[in-house]
Amino acid sequence: MDNLIFTIASHYASAIVNGDYSGLEDHEEKELNGFLDHLMREFNSNDLQPTDYYLQNEPDFNRCEISNLYANCIQFNLIKGV
């Protein structure tokens, strides 16, 4: 299994970890789903499991890999299954 670490806006965390999209706007949900679909194709896996996000790292104002916009971001770890 491969560990994949991404920098994403912290407001996407609930959707990734819990499947709770209620805090996202429609365009954000579409961006997130597109990002996850792209990862599954790129890494040839239908099974990307979120394992951890790094709370010990305070949110950092950085560029989000999902939206390509600056936001309060966290580093997120996904494990590529088989």
C-alpha atoms as a PDB file:
ATOM      1  CA  MET A   1       0.000   0.000   0.000  1.00  0.00           C
ATOM      2  CA  ASP A   2       1.131   3.510  -0.784  1.00  0.00           C
ATOM      3  CA  ASN A   3       0.699   6.528   1.466  1.00  0.00           C
ATOM      4  CA  LEU A   4      -0.378   9.637  -0.399  1.00  0.00           C
ATOM      5  CA  ILE A   5      -0.087  12.977   1.383  1.00  0.00           C
ATOM      6  CA  PHE A   6      -1.988  16.017   0.136  1.00  0.00           C
ATOM      7  CA  THR A   7      -2.425  19.600   1.262  1.00  0.00           C
ATOM      8  CA  ILE A   8      -6.127  20.428   1.249  1.00  0.00           C
ATOM      9  CA  ALA A   9      -8.392  23.116   2.658  1.00  0.00           C
ATOM     10  CA  SER A  10      -9.532  22.068   6.120  1.00  0.00           C
ATOM     11  CA  HIS A  11     -13.233  22.455   5.261  1.00  0.00           C
ATOM     12  CA  TYR A  12     -12.985  19.364   3.006  1.00  0.00           C
ATOM     13  CA  ALA A  13     -11.925  17.104   5.902  1.00  0.00           C
ATOM     14  CA  SER A  14     -15.421  16.141   7.079  1.00  0.00           C
ATOM     15  CA  ALA A  15     -16.452  15.094   3.576  1.00  0.00           C
ATOM     16  CA  ILE A  16     -13.329  12.953   3.137  1.00  0.00           C
ATOM     17  CA  VAL A  17     -13.317  11.346   6.582  1.00  0.00           C
ATOM     18  CA  ASN A  18     -17.046  11.058   7.341  1.00  0.00           C
ATOM     19  CA  GLY A  19     -18.680  11.359   3.928  1.00  0.00           C
ATOM     20  CA  ASP A  20     -20.483  14.455   5.262  1.00  0.00           C
ATOM     21  CA  TYR A  21     -20.764  16.937   2.408  1.00  0.00           C
ATOM     22  CA  SER A  22     -23.301  19.160   4.201  1.00  0.00           C
ATOM     23  CA  GLY A  23     -20.773  21.943   4.871  1.00  0.00           C
ATOM     24  CA  LEU A  24     -19.702  22.230   1.242  1.00  0.00           C
ATOM     25  CA  GLU A  25     -21.135  24.381  -1.514  1.00  0.00           C
ATOM     26  CA  ASP A  26     -22.234  22.542  -4.664  1.00  0.00           C
ATOM     27  CA  HIS A  27     -19.131  23.622  -6.596  1.00  0.00           C
ATOM     28  CA  GLU A  28     -16.860  22.479  -3.728  1.00  0.00           C
ATOM     29  CA  GLU A  29     -18.525  19.062  -3.666  1.00  0.00           C
ATOM     30  CA  LYS A  30     -17.993  18.789  -7.432  1.00  0.00           C
ATOM     31  CA  GLU A  31     -14.316  19.829  -7.066  1.00  0.00           C
ATOM     32  CA  LEU A  32     -13.741  17.294  -4.290  1.00  0.00           C
ATOM     33  CA  ASN A  33     -15.381  14.444  -6.198  1.00  0.00           C
ATOM     34  CA  GLY A  34     -13.384  15.357  -9.313  1.00  0.00           C
ATOM     35  CA  PHE A  35     -10.171  15.412  -7.269  1.00  0.00           C
ATOM     36  CA  LEU A  36     -10.882  11.985  -5.735  1.00  0.00           C
ATOM     37  CA  ASP A  37     -11.859  10.516  -9.126  1.00  0.00           C
ATOM     38  CA  HIS A  38      -8.624  11.858 -10.600  1.00  0.00           C
ATOM     39  CA  LEU A  39      -6.591  10.270  -7.772  1.00  0.00           C
ATOM     40  CA  MET A  40      -8.274   6.904  -8.257  1.00  0.00           C
ATOM     41  CA  ARG A  41      -7.433   6.988 -11.976  1.00  0.00           C
ATOM     42  CA  GLU A  42      -3.900   8.334 -11.469  1.00  0.00           C
ATOM     43  CA  PHE A  43      -2.990   5.800  -8.807  1.00  0.00           C
ATOM     44  CA  ASN A  44      -4.979   2.997 -10.438  1.00  0.00           C
ATOM     45  CA  SER A  45      -7.005   2.243  -7.335  1.00  0.00           C
ATOM     46  CA  ASN A  46     -10.715   2.170  -6.557  1.00  0.00           C
ATOM     47  CA  ASP A  47      -9.874   2.130  -2.870  1.00  0.00           C
ATOM     48  CA  LEU A  48      -8.407   5.310  -1.384  1.00  0.00           C
ATOM     49  CA  GLN A  49      -8.870   5.251   2.380  1.00  0.00           C
ATOM     50  CA  PRO A  50      -8.347   8.345   4.532  1.00  0.00           C
ATOM     51  CA  THR A  51      -6.182   7.329   7.455  1.00  0.00           C
ATOM     52  CA  ASP A  52      -5.263  10.493   9.227  1.00  0.00           C
ATOM     53  CA  TYR A  53      -4.993  14.174   8.933  1.00  0.00           C
ATOM     54  CA  TYR A  54      -2.294  15.887  10.812  1.00  0.00           C
ATOM     55  CA  LEU A  55      -3.889  17.844  13.618  1.00  0.00           C
ATOM     56  CA  GLN A  56      -0.523  18.285  15.274  1.00  0.00           C
ATOM     57  CA  ASN A  57       0.179  20.630  12.383  1.00  0.00           C
ATOM     58  CA  GLU A  58      -1.904  23.752  12.830  1.00  0.00           C
ATOM     59  CA  PRO A  59      -3.872  24.708   9.736  1.00  0.00           C
ATOM     60  CA  ASP A  60      -1.510  26.591   7.492  1.00  0.00           C
ATOM     61  CA  PHE A  61      -2.459  29.228   4.942  1.00  0.00           C
ATOM     62  CA  ASN A  62      -1.407  27.417   1.800  1.00  0.00           C
ATOM     63  CA  ARG A  63      -2.588  26.403  -1.668  1.00  0.00           C
ATOM     64  CA  CYS A  64      -5.275  23.696  -1.608  1.00  0.00           C
ATOM     65  CA  GLU A  65      -4.618  20.835  -4.030  1.00  0.00           C
ATOM     66  CA  ILE A  66      -8.361  20.430  -4.632  1.00  0.00           C
ATOM     67  CA  SER A  67      -9.389  23.987  -5.491  1.00  0.00           C
ATOM     68  CA  ASN A  68      -5.937  25.434  -6.260  1.00  0.00           C
ATOM     69  CA  LEU A  69      -6.911  28.395  -4.062  1.00  0.00           C
ATOM     70  CA  TYR A  70      -5.229  29.614  -0.903  1.00  0.00           C
ATOM     71  CA  ALA A  71      -7.019  28.582   2.298  1.00  0.00           C
ATOM     72  CA  ASN A  72      -6.386  27.280   5.809  1.00  0.00           C
ATOM     73  CA  CYS A  73      -4.997  23.885   4.827  1.00  0.00           C
ATOM     74  CA  ILE A  74      -4.069  20.661   6.542  1.00  0.00           C
ATOM     75  CA  GLN A  75      -1.980  17.782   5.330  1.00  0.00           C
ATOM     76  CA  PHE A  76      -4.082  14.718   4.612  1.00  0.00           C
ATOM     77  CA  ASN A  77      -2.950  11.123   4.333  1.00  0.00           C
ATOM     78  CA  LEU A  78      -4.709   8.650   2.032  1.00  0.00           C
ATOM     79  CA  ILE A  79      -3.719   5.007   1.698  1.00  0.00           C
ATOM     80  CA  LYS A  80      -3.927   3.416  -1.707  1.00  0.00           C
ATOM     81  CA  GLY A  81      -5.516  -0.001  -1.421  1.00  0.00           C
ATOM     82  CA  VAL A  82      -5.231  -2.774  -3.968  1.00  0.00           C
END
